[in-house]
Amino acid sequence: MRGERAALGPFTRELAELYWQWENEPAVIVGMGRQTPESLEARLAGYDAQARSMGTIPRFTIYDLTRPGGPVPVGTSALRIDHYVRTAEFIILLGADGRGRGLAVEATRLTLDYAFTISALRSVWLKVLAPNTGAVAAYEKAGFAHAGRLRRAGYWHGAEADELIMDVVADAHLATG
């Protein structure tokens, strides 16, 4: 799937070391609510498990189309699908080179296009730590609305933080399409 500035491509083993580098950036560790980095060996084993679960968790590499010389991988997105109720959890990760340039909004919209037009889901939801205001703003621009709050459910730079729940339903997304 392709937009003006970003595109979604396959999630591949050839890029697993790059995924690992992004996932271990301090800003990503904090944003994902993790406390520790992951070893490359564990990430490669994790990739193999993820590749086997593509039927329930489609994953994509996010490409920046604005760079000279062609598309450059800058992040990943995924949909953790619950086939029984036709919903999915949305997950996105951008490496430092992909942040702050509007790519997250377009990559999120492209992933939602996939969710609603290809996977025929009813809704997509996400959780984000409340202090992650850049991510919250990007999700709002992509069409997500606030759906709830889990109080003191995570940590942001060592301090307790609320976790926001946001969602978008198919009708709302497709109407803006």
N, C-alpha and C. Protein backbone atom coordinates (compact mmCIF):
# COMPACT_ATOMS: atom_id res chain seq x y z
N MET A 1 0.86 -1.17 0.00
CA MET A 1 0.00 0.00 0.00
C MET A 1 0.90 1.23 0.00
N ARG A 2 0.46 2.22 -0.75
CA ARG A 2 1.34 3.37 -0.97
C ARG A 2 0.57 4.68 -0.82
N GLY A 3 1.17 5.63 -0.12
CA GLY A 3 0.64 6.97 -0.01
C GLY A 3 1.58 7.93 -0.72
N GLU A 4 1.47 9.21 -0.41
CA GLU A 4 2.35 10.20 -1.03
C GLU A 4 3.73 10.22 -0.41
N ARG A 5 3.80 10.04 0.92
CA ARG A 5 5.08 10.15 1.64
C ARG A 5 5.54 8.83 2.24
N ALA A 6 4.62 7.90 2.44
CA ALA A 6 4.94 6.63 3.09
C ALA A 6 4.30 5.48 2.33
N ALA A 7 4.87 4.30 2.52
CA ALA A 7 4.32 3.09 1.92
C ALA A 7 4.49 1.94 2.91
N LEU A 8 3.65 0.93 2.76
CA LEU A 8 3.78 -0.29 3.55
C LEU A 8 4.30 -1.39 2.64
N GLY A 9 5.30 -2.10 3.12
CA GLY A 9 5.85 -3.23 2.39
C GLY A 9 5.90 -4.45 3.29
N PRO A 10 6.43 -5.55 2.79
CA PRO A 10 6.48 -6.77 3.58
C PRO A 10 7.41 -6.65 4.79
N PHE A 11 7.09 -7.39 5.81
CA PHE A 11 7.89 -7.53 7.03
C PHE A 11 8.84 -8.69 6.75
N THR A 12 10.14 -8.43 6.60
CA THR A 12 11.07 -9.45 6.11
C THR A 12 12.21 -9.74 7.08
N ARG A 13 12.70 -10.97 7.02
CA ARG A 13 13.82 -11.37 7.87
C ARG A 13 15.07 -10.57 7.53
N GLU A 14 15.24 -10.18 6.27
CA GLU A 14 16.42 -9.42 5.87
C GLU A 14 16.52 -8.10 6.63
N LEU A 15 15.39 -7.59 7.11
CA LEU A 15 15.39 -6.32 7.85
C LEU A 15 15.30 -6.52 9.37
N ALA A 16 15.36 -7.78 9.84
CA ALA A 16 15.18 -8.06 11.27
C ALA A 16 16.19 -7.33 12.14
N GLU A 17 17.43 -7.22 11.69
CA GLU A 17 18.42 -6.50 12.51
C GLU A 17 18.09 -5.02 12.58
N LEU A 18 17.56 -4.46 11.52
CA LEU A 18 17.14 -3.06 11.53
C LEU A 18 15.94 -2.87 12.47
N TYR A 19 14.97 -3.80 12.43
CA TYR A 19 13.84 -3.75 13.36
C TYR A 19 14.36 -3.74 14.80
N TRP A 20 15.32 -4.62 15.07
CA TRP A 20 15.92 -4.73 16.40
C TRP A 20 16.57 -3.42 16.82
N GLN A 21 17.28 -2.77 15.91
CA GLN A 21 17.91 -1.48 16.25
C GLN A 21 16.85 -0.45 16.63
N TRP A 22 15.78 -0.36 15.83
CA TRP A 22 14.70 0.59 16.15
C TRP A 22 14.08 0.27 17.51
N GLU A 23 13.79 -1.01 17.74
CA GLU A 23 13.11 -1.42 18.97
C GLU A 23 13.95 -1.16 20.21
N ASN A 24 15.26 -1.03 20.06
CA ASN A 24 16.14 -0.79 21.20
C ASN A 24 16.57 0.66 21.35
N GLU A 25 16.02 1.55 20.53
CA GLU A 25 16.27 2.98 20.75
C GLU A 25 15.59 3.37 22.06
N PRO A 26 16.26 4.15 22.91
CA PRO A 26 15.65 4.53 24.19
C PRO A 26 14.26 5.14 24.06
N ALA A 27 14.02 5.99 23.08
CA ALA A 27 12.69 6.60 22.91
C ALA A 27 11.63 5.55 22.61
N VAL A 28 11.99 4.51 21.88
CA VAL A 28 11.04 3.44 21.55
C VAL A 28 10.79 2.57 22.78
N ILE A 29 11.84 2.25 23.52
CA ILE A 29 11.66 1.45 24.74
C ILE A 29 10.69 2.16 25.68
N VAL A 30 10.88 3.47 25.88
CA VAL A 30 9.99 4.25 26.76
C VAL A 30 8.58 4.29 26.18
N GLY A 31 8.46 4.58 24.88
CA GLY A 31 7.15 4.70 24.25
C GLY A 31 6.35 3.41 24.25
N MET A 32 7.04 2.28 24.18
CA MET A 32 6.35 0.99 24.19
C MET A 32 6.08 0.50 25.62
N GLY A 33 6.54 1.26 26.61
CA GLY A 33 6.31 0.87 27.99
C GLY A 33 7.19 -0.26 28.47
N ARG A 34 8.28 -0.51 27.76
CA ARG A 34 9.22 -1.55 28.18
C ARG A 34 10.27 -0.93 29.10
N GLN A 35 10.99 -1.78 29.81
CA GLN A 35 12.04 -1.28 30.69
C GLN A 35 13.43 -1.74 30.28
N THR A 36 13.51 -2.73 29.42
CA THR A 36 14.82 -3.28 29.08
C THR A 36 14.94 -3.50 27.57
N PRO A 37 16.17 -3.42 27.05
CA PRO A 37 16.38 -3.74 25.64
C PRO A 37 16.33 -5.25 25.43
N GLU A 38 16.31 -5.64 24.16
CA GLU A 38 16.26 -7.05 23.79
C GLU A 38 17.53 -7.40 23.03
N SER A 39 18.03 -8.61 23.23
CA SER A 39 19.23 -9.04 22.49
C SER A 39 18.87 -9.31 21.03
N LEU A 40 19.87 -9.22 20.17
CA LEU A 40 19.66 -9.52 18.76
C LEU A 40 19.21 -10.97 18.58
N GLU A 41 19.79 -11.88 19.35
CA GLU A 41 19.42 -13.29 19.24
C GLU A 41 17.94 -13.50 19.57
N ALA A 42 17.48 -12.84 20.64
CA ALA A 42 16.07 -12.95 21.02
C ALA A 42 15.18 -12.33 19.93
N ARG A 43 15.62 -11.22 19.34
CA ARG A 43 14.82 -10.56 18.30
C ARG A 43 14.70 -11.43 17.06
N LEU A 44 15.81 -12.09 16.68
CA LEU A 44 15.76 -12.96 15.51
C LEU A 44 14.83 -14.15 15.75
N ALA A 45 14.87 -14.71 16.96
CA ALA A 45 13.95 -15.79 17.30
C ALA A 45 12.51 -15.26 17.30
N GLY A 46 12.34 -14.04 17.80
CA GLY A 46 11.02 -13.41 17.79
C GLY A 46 10.52 -13.18 16.38
N TYR A 47 11.42 -12.78 15.48
CA TYR A 47 11.01 -12.59 14.09
C TYR A 47 10.46 -13.89 13.52
N ASP A 48 11.15 -14.99 13.77
CA ASP A 48 10.71 -16.28 13.23
C ASP A 48 9.30 -16.62 13.73
N ALA A 49 9.02 -16.37 15.01
CA ALA A 49 7.69 -16.61 15.55
C ALA A 49 6.67 -15.66 14.92
N GLN A 50 7.05 -14.41 14.73
CA GLN A 50 6.15 -13.44 14.11
C GLN A 50 5.82 -13.82 12.67
N ALA A 51 6.80 -14.31 11.95
CA ALA A 51 6.58 -14.71 10.56
C ALA A 51 5.55 -15.83 10.47
N ARG A 52 5.53 -16.70 11.49
CA ARG A 52 4.57 -17.81 11.50
C ARG A 52 3.16 -17.34 11.89
N SER A 53 3.05 -16.15 12.50
CA SER A 53 1.74 -15.69 12.98
C SER A 53 1.11 -14.63 12.07
N MET A 54 1.58 -14.51 10.84
CA MET A 54 1.09 -13.46 9.95
C MET A 54 -0.41 -13.57 9.66
N GLY A 55 -1.01 -14.75 9.85
CA GLY A 55 -2.45 -14.89 9.62
C GLY A 55 -3.29 -14.16 10.64
N THR A 56 -2.77 -14.00 11.85
CA THR A 56 -3.50 -13.28 12.89
C THR A 56 -2.89 -11.93 13.21
N ILE A 57 -1.64 -11.74 12.82
CA ILE A 57 -0.98 -10.45 13.08
C ILE A 57 -0.23 -10.02 11.82
N PRO A 58 -0.95 -9.42 10.86
CA PRO A 58 -0.23 -8.92 9.68
C PRO A 58 0.71 -7.79 10.10
N ARG A 59 1.94 -7.87 9.61
CA ARG A 59 2.99 -6.89 9.94
C ARG A 59 3.53 -6.29 8.66
N PHE A 60 3.92 -5.03 8.76
CA PHE A 60 4.41 -4.30 7.59
C PHE A 60 5.68 -3.54 7.93
N THR A 61 6.53 -3.37 6.93
CA THR A 61 7.64 -2.42 7.03
C THR A 61 7.13 -1.10 6.48
N ILE A 62 7.41 -0.02 7.20
CA ILE A 62 7.03 1.32 6.75
C ILE A 62 8.21 1.92 6.00
N TYR A 63 7.94 2.43 4.80
CA TYR A 63 8.97 3.04 3.96
C TYR A 63 8.73 4.54 3.82
N ASP A 64 9.80 5.30 3.90
CA ASP A 64 9.79 6.74 3.63
C ASP A 64 10.00 6.92 2.14
N LEU A 65 9.04 7.52 1.46
CA LEU A 65 9.13 7.72 0.01
C LEU A 65 9.74 9.07 -0.36
N THR A 66 10.09 9.88 0.63
CA THR A 66 10.58 11.24 0.34
C THR A 66 12.09 11.31 0.20
N ARG A 67 12.79 10.24 0.44
CA ARG A 67 14.25 10.24 0.43
C ARG A 67 14.79 10.11 -0.98
N PRO A 68 15.88 10.82 -1.28
CA PRO A 68 16.53 10.62 -2.58
C PRO A 68 17.03 9.17 -2.69
N GLY A 69 16.95 8.62 -3.85
CA GLY A 69 17.46 7.27 -4.06
C GLY A 69 16.44 6.17 -3.82
N GLY A 70 15.21 6.52 -3.54
CA GLY A 70 14.20 5.48 -3.41
C GLY A 70 13.70 5.28 -2.00
N PRO A 71 12.74 4.38 -1.84
CA PRO A 71 12.14 4.13 -0.53
C PRO A 71 13.17 3.64 0.49
N VAL A 72 13.06 4.16 1.72
CA VAL A 72 13.96 3.79 2.81
C VAL A 72 13.11 3.26 3.97
N PRO A 73 13.44 2.06 4.50
CA PRO A 73 12.67 1.55 5.64
C PRO A 73 12.90 2.42 6.88
N VAL A 74 11.80 2.78 7.57
CA VAL A 74 11.91 3.64 8.75
C VAL A 74 11.13 3.11 9.95
N GLY A 75 10.35 2.04 9.79
CA GLY A 75 9.58 1.55 10.91
C GLY A 75 8.73 0.35 10.55
N THR A 76 7.85 -0.02 11.49
CA THR A 76 6.96 -1.16 11.29
C THR A 76 5.57 -0.82 11.82
N SER A 77 4.58 -1.50 11.28
CA SER A 77 3.23 -1.44 11.85
C SER A 77 2.66 -2.85 11.84
N ALA A 78 1.66 -3.06 12.70
CA ALA A 78 1.05 -4.39 12.80
C ALA A 78 -0.39 -4.26 13.26
N LEU A 79 -1.16 -5.28 12.96
CA LEU A 79 -2.54 -5.40 13.41
C LEU A 79 -2.68 -6.75 14.11
N ARG A 80 -2.95 -6.72 15.41
CA ARG A 80 -3.15 -7.96 16.17
C ARG A 80 -4.65 -8.26 16.11
N ILE A 81 -5.03 -9.09 15.13
CA ILE A 81 -6.45 -9.31 14.81
C ILE A 81 -7.09 -10.33 15.74
N ASP A 82 -8.30 -10.00 16.19
CA ASP A 82 -9.17 -10.94 16.88
C ASP A 82 -10.25 -11.32 15.87
N HIS A 83 -10.08 -12.47 15.23
CA HIS A 83 -10.99 -12.88 14.16
C HIS A 83 -12.41 -13.16 14.65
N TYR A 84 -12.58 -13.45 15.93
CA TYR A 84 -13.92 -13.75 16.45
C TYR A 84 -14.81 -12.52 16.46
N VAL A 85 -14.23 -11.36 16.77
CA VAL A 85 -15.04 -10.14 16.86
C VAL A 85 -14.69 -9.11 15.80
N ARG A 86 -13.78 -9.47 14.88
CA ARG A 86 -13.41 -8.63 13.73
C ARG A 86 -12.85 -7.27 14.16
N THR A 87 -11.98 -7.29 15.19
CA THR A 87 -11.29 -6.09 15.64
C THR A 87 -9.80 -6.37 15.66
N ALA A 88 -9.00 -5.32 15.84
CA ALA A 88 -7.56 -5.51 15.93
C ALA A 88 -6.93 -4.43 16.79
N GLU A 89 -5.84 -4.79 17.43
CA GLU A 89 -5.00 -3.81 18.11
C GLU A 89 -3.97 -3.32 17.10
N PHE A 90 -3.77 -2.02 17.05
CA PHE A 90 -2.80 -1.39 16.15
C PHE A 90 -1.51 -1.12 16.90
N ILE A 91 -0.40 -1.45 16.26
CA ILE A 91 0.93 -1.22 16.83
C ILE A 91 1.79 -0.57 15.75
N ILE A 92 2.51 0.48 16.12
CA ILE A 92 3.42 1.14 15.18
C ILE A 92 4.71 1.48 15.90
N LEU A 93 5.79 1.44 15.16
CA LEU A 93 7.10 1.79 15.68
C LEU A 93 7.85 2.50 14.57
N LEU A 94 8.39 3.66 14.86
CA LEU A 94 9.24 4.37 13.90
C LEU A 94 10.61 4.57 14.52
N GLY A 95 11.66 4.27 13.74
CA GLY A 95 13.00 4.58 14.17
C GLY A 95 13.21 6.09 14.16
N ALA A 96 14.31 6.54 14.75
CA ALA A 96 14.57 7.98 14.88
C ALA A 96 14.50 8.71 13.54
N ASP A 97 14.99 8.08 12.46
CA ASP A 97 14.98 8.72 11.14
C ASP A 97 13.58 8.92 10.58
N GLY A 98 12.60 8.21 11.10
CA GLY A 98 11.25 8.31 10.57
C GLY A 98 10.32 9.20 11.39
N ARG A 99 10.79 9.65 12.55
CA ARG A 99 9.91 10.43 13.44
C ARG A 99 9.96 11.92 13.12
N GLY A 100 8.84 12.59 13.42
CA GLY A 100 8.78 14.04 13.31
C GLY A 100 8.58 14.58 11.90
N ARG A 101 8.18 13.73 10.97
CA ARG A 101 8.04 14.18 9.58
C ARG A 101 6.68 13.82 8.98
N GLY A 102 5.72 13.45 9.82
CA GLY A 102 4.39 13.15 9.34
C GLY A 102 4.22 11.75 8.77
N LEU A 103 5.27 10.96 8.81
CA LEU A 103 5.18 9.60 8.24
C LEU A 103 4.28 8.70 9.08
N ALA A 104 4.26 8.91 10.40
CA ALA A 104 3.44 8.07 11.26
C ALA A 104 1.96 8.20 10.92
N VAL A 105 1.52 9.42 10.64
CA VAL A 105 0.11 9.64 10.31
C VAL A 105 -0.24 8.89 9.03
N GLU A 106 0.57 9.05 8.00
CA GLU A 106 0.25 8.39 6.73
C GLU A 106 0.38 6.87 6.84
N ALA A 107 1.40 6.38 7.53
CA ALA A 107 1.56 4.93 7.71
C ALA A 107 0.40 4.35 8.51
N THR A 108 -0.08 5.10 9.50
CA THR A 108 -1.23 4.65 10.28
C THR A 108 -2.47 4.57 9.39
N ARG A 109 -2.70 5.59 8.59
CA ARG A 109 -3.85 5.58 7.68
C ARG A 109 -3.77 4.42 6.70
N LEU A 110 -2.58 4.15 6.18
CA LEU A 110 -2.42 3.03 5.24
C LEU A 110 -2.71 1.70 5.93
N THR A 111 -2.25 1.55 7.17
CA THR A 111 -2.51 0.32 7.91
C THR A 111 -4.01 0.18 8.18
N LEU A 112 -4.66 1.30 8.49
CA LEU A 112 -6.12 1.27 8.68
C LEU A 112 -6.84 0.93 7.38
N ASP A 113 -6.36 1.45 6.25
CA ASP A 113 -6.94 1.07 4.96
C ASP A 113 -6.90 -0.45 4.79
N TYR A 114 -5.75 -1.05 5.10
CA TYR A 114 -5.61 -2.50 5.02
C TYR A 114 -6.61 -3.18 5.96
N ALA A 115 -6.69 -2.68 7.19
CA ALA A 115 -7.57 -3.29 8.20
C ALA A 115 -9.02 -3.31 7.74
N PHE A 116 -9.47 -2.20 7.17
CA PHE A 116 -10.89 -2.08 6.86
C PHE A 116 -11.26 -2.53 5.45
N THR A 117 -10.37 -2.40 4.48
CA THR A 117 -10.73 -2.77 3.11
C THR A 117 -10.25 -4.16 2.71
N ILE A 118 -9.20 -4.65 3.33
CA ILE A 118 -8.69 -5.98 2.99
C ILE A 118 -9.07 -7.01 4.06
N SER A 119 -8.82 -6.68 5.33
CA SER A 119 -9.15 -7.62 6.41
C SER A 119 -10.60 -7.52 6.85
N ALA A 120 -11.34 -6.52 6.37
CA ALA A 120 -12.76 -6.35 6.68
C ALA A 120 -13.03 -6.32 8.18
N LEU A 121 -12.21 -5.58 8.91
CA LEU A 121 -12.41 -5.45 10.35
C LEU A 121 -13.49 -4.42 10.65
N ARG A 122 -14.08 -4.51 11.84
CA ARG A 122 -15.10 -3.56 12.28
C ARG A 122 -14.48 -2.36 12.98
N SER A 123 -13.42 -2.61 13.76
CA SER A 123 -12.76 -1.52 14.46
C SER A 123 -11.31 -1.88 14.73
N VAL A 124 -10.52 -0.85 14.97
CA VAL A 124 -9.11 -1.00 15.32
C VAL A 124 -8.87 -0.11 16.54
N TRP A 125 -8.15 -0.63 17.52
CA TRP A 125 -7.89 0.12 18.74
C TRP A 125 -6.40 0.10 19.05
N LEU A 126 -6.00 0.97 19.96
CA LEU A 126 -4.60 1.00 20.40
C LEU A 126 -4.54 1.48 21.83
N LYS A 127 -3.39 1.25 22.45
CA LYS A 127 -3.08 1.80 23.77
C LYS A 127 -1.81 2.63 23.62
N VAL A 128 -1.78 3.79 24.27
CA VAL A 128 -0.62 4.68 24.22
C VAL A 128 -0.49 5.34 25.59
N LEU A 129 0.74 5.49 26.06
CA LEU A 129 0.96 6.17 27.32
C LEU A 129 0.61 7.65 27.17
N ALA A 130 -0.15 8.19 28.11
CA ALA A 130 -0.66 9.56 28.01
C ALA A 130 0.44 10.61 27.81
N PRO A 131 1.62 10.50 28.44
CA PRO A 131 2.64 11.52 28.22
C PRO A 131 3.25 11.51 26.82
N ASN A 132 2.97 10.49 26.03
CA ASN A 132 3.51 10.40 24.67
C ASN A 132 2.65 11.25 23.74
N THR A 133 2.71 12.56 23.94
CA THR A 133 1.81 13.49 23.26
C THR A 133 2.01 13.52 21.75
N GLY A 134 3.22 13.30 21.29
CA GLY A 134 3.45 13.26 19.84
C GLY A 134 2.71 12.10 19.20
N ALA A 135 2.75 10.94 19.84
CA ALA A 135 2.03 9.78 19.31
C ALA A 135 0.52 10.01 19.37
N VAL A 136 0.03 10.55 20.49
CA VAL A 136 -1.40 10.81 20.62
C VAL A 136 -1.87 11.74 19.50
N ALA A 137 -1.12 12.80 19.24
CA ALA A 137 -1.49 13.75 18.17
C ALA A 137 -1.50 13.06 16.80
N ALA A 138 -0.51 12.21 16.54
CA ALA A 138 -0.46 11.50 15.26
C ALA A 138 -1.66 10.57 15.12
N TYR A 139 -2.01 9.86 16.19
CA TYR A 139 -3.16 8.96 16.13
C TYR A 139 -4.45 9.74 15.88
N GLU A 140 -4.59 10.89 16.53
CA GLU A 140 -5.78 11.72 16.31
C GLU A 140 -5.85 12.18 14.85
N LYS A 141 -4.73 12.62 14.29
CA LYS A 141 -4.70 13.06 12.89
C LYS A 141 -5.04 11.92 11.94
N ALA A 142 -4.69 10.70 12.32
CA ALA A 142 -4.96 9.54 11.48
C ALA A 142 -6.40 9.05 11.61
N GLY A 143 -7.16 9.60 12.56
CA GLY A 143 -8.57 9.24 12.68
C GLY A 143 -8.98 8.54 13.96
N PHE A 144 -8.03 8.24 14.84
CA PHE A 144 -8.38 7.59 16.11
C PHE A 144 -9.06 8.59 17.04
N ALA A 145 -10.00 8.10 17.85
CA ALA A 145 -10.68 8.90 18.87
C ALA A 145 -10.40 8.30 20.24
N HIS A 146 -10.47 9.12 21.26
CA HIS A 146 -10.25 8.64 22.63
C HIS A 146 -11.42 7.77 23.06
N ALA A 147 -11.11 6.60 23.62
CA ALA A 147 -12.15 5.66 24.02
C ALA A 147 -12.09 5.32 25.51
N GLY A 148 -10.99 5.67 26.19
CA GLY A 148 -10.89 5.35 27.61
C GLY A 148 -9.50 5.61 28.14
N ARG A 149 -9.37 5.38 29.44
CA ARG A 149 -8.10 5.63 30.13
C ARG A 149 -7.91 4.56 31.20
N LEU A 150 -6.74 3.97 31.22
CA LEU A 150 -6.35 3.05 32.29
C LEU A 150 -5.40 3.82 33.20
N ARG A 151 -5.83 4.07 34.42
CA ARG A 151 -5.04 4.91 35.32
C ARG A 151 -3.81 4.17 35.84
N ARG A 152 -2.69 4.87 35.83
CA ARG A 152 -1.40 4.38 36.32
C ARG A 152 -1.09 2.97 35.79
N ALA A 153 -1.32 2.76 34.51
CA ALA A 153 -1.15 1.43 33.91
C ALA A 153 0.24 1.21 33.32
N GLY A 154 1.07 2.24 33.29
CA GLY A 154 2.40 2.09 32.71
C GLY A 154 3.38 3.07 33.32
N TYR A 155 4.56 3.12 32.73
CA TYR A 155 5.61 4.02 33.20
C TYR A 155 6.15 4.83 32.04
N TRP A 156 6.42 6.09 32.30
CA TRP A 156 7.01 7.01 31.33
C TRP A 156 8.21 7.66 32.00
N HIS A 157 9.39 7.34 31.52
CA HIS A 157 10.64 7.86 32.11
C HIS A 157 10.68 7.63 33.61
N GLY A 158 10.27 6.44 34.04
CA GLY A 158 10.36 6.04 35.44
C GLY A 158 9.19 6.46 36.31
N ALA A 159 8.27 7.25 35.80
CA ALA A 159 7.12 7.70 36.59
C ALA A 159 5.86 6.98 36.11
N GLU A 160 4.95 6.72 37.06
CA GLU A 160 3.68 6.11 36.68
C GLU A 160 2.95 7.00 35.69
N ALA A 161 2.28 6.36 34.74
CA ALA A 161 1.56 7.11 33.71
C ALA A 161 0.27 6.39 33.36
N ASP A 162 -0.73 7.17 33.00
CA ASP A 162 -1.98 6.58 32.50
C ASP A 162 -1.76 6.07 31.08
N GLU A 163 -2.54 5.08 30.73
CA GLU A 163 -2.52 4.55 29.38
C GLU A 163 -3.85 4.91 28.73
N LEU A 164 -3.79 5.54 27.57
CA LEU A 164 -5.00 5.92 26.85
C LEU A 164 -5.40 4.81 25.89
N ILE A 165 -6.69 4.60 25.75
CA ILE A 165 -7.23 3.68 24.76
C ILE A 165 -7.89 4.54 23.69
N MET A 166 -7.53 4.29 22.45
CA MET A 166 -8.09 5.03 21.32
C MET A 166 -8.60 4.01 20.31
N ASP A 167 -9.62 4.39 19.54
CA ASP A 167 -10.11 3.47 18.52
C ASP A 167 -10.66 4.23 17.32
N VAL A 168 -10.86 3.48 16.26
CA VAL A 168 -11.51 3.99 15.05
C VAL A 168 -12.35 2.85 14.49
N VAL A 169 -13.56 3.18 14.06
CA VAL A 169 -14.43 2.17 13.48
C VAL A 169 -14.39 2.28 11.96
N ALA A 170 -14.72 1.20 11.31
CA ALA A 170 -14.61 1.13 9.85
C ALA A 170 -15.39 2.25 9.16
N ASP A 171 -16.64 2.46 9.56
CA ASP A 171 -17.46 3.48 8.89
C ASP A 171 -16.82 4.85 8.96
N ALA A 172 -16.28 5.21 10.12
CA ALA A 172 -15.66 6.53 10.28
C ALA A 172 -14.42 6.66 9.40
N HIS A 173 -13.60 5.62 9.38
CA HIS A 173 -12.37 5.69 8.57
C HIS A 173 -12.70 5.73 7.08
N LEU A 174 -13.59 4.87 6.65
CA LEU A 174 -13.92 4.80 5.22
C LEU A 174 -14.62 6.07 4.74
N ALA A 175 -15.33 6.76 5.62
CA ALA A 175 -16.00 8.00 5.24
C ALA A 175 -15.01 9.13 4.97
N THR A 176 -13.81 9.04 5.57
CA THR A 176 -12.80 10.10 5.37
C THR A 176 -11.89 9.77 4.21
N GLY A 177 -11.97 8.51 3.72
CA GLY A 177 -11.09 7.96 2.73
C GLY A 177 -10.83 8.70 1.52
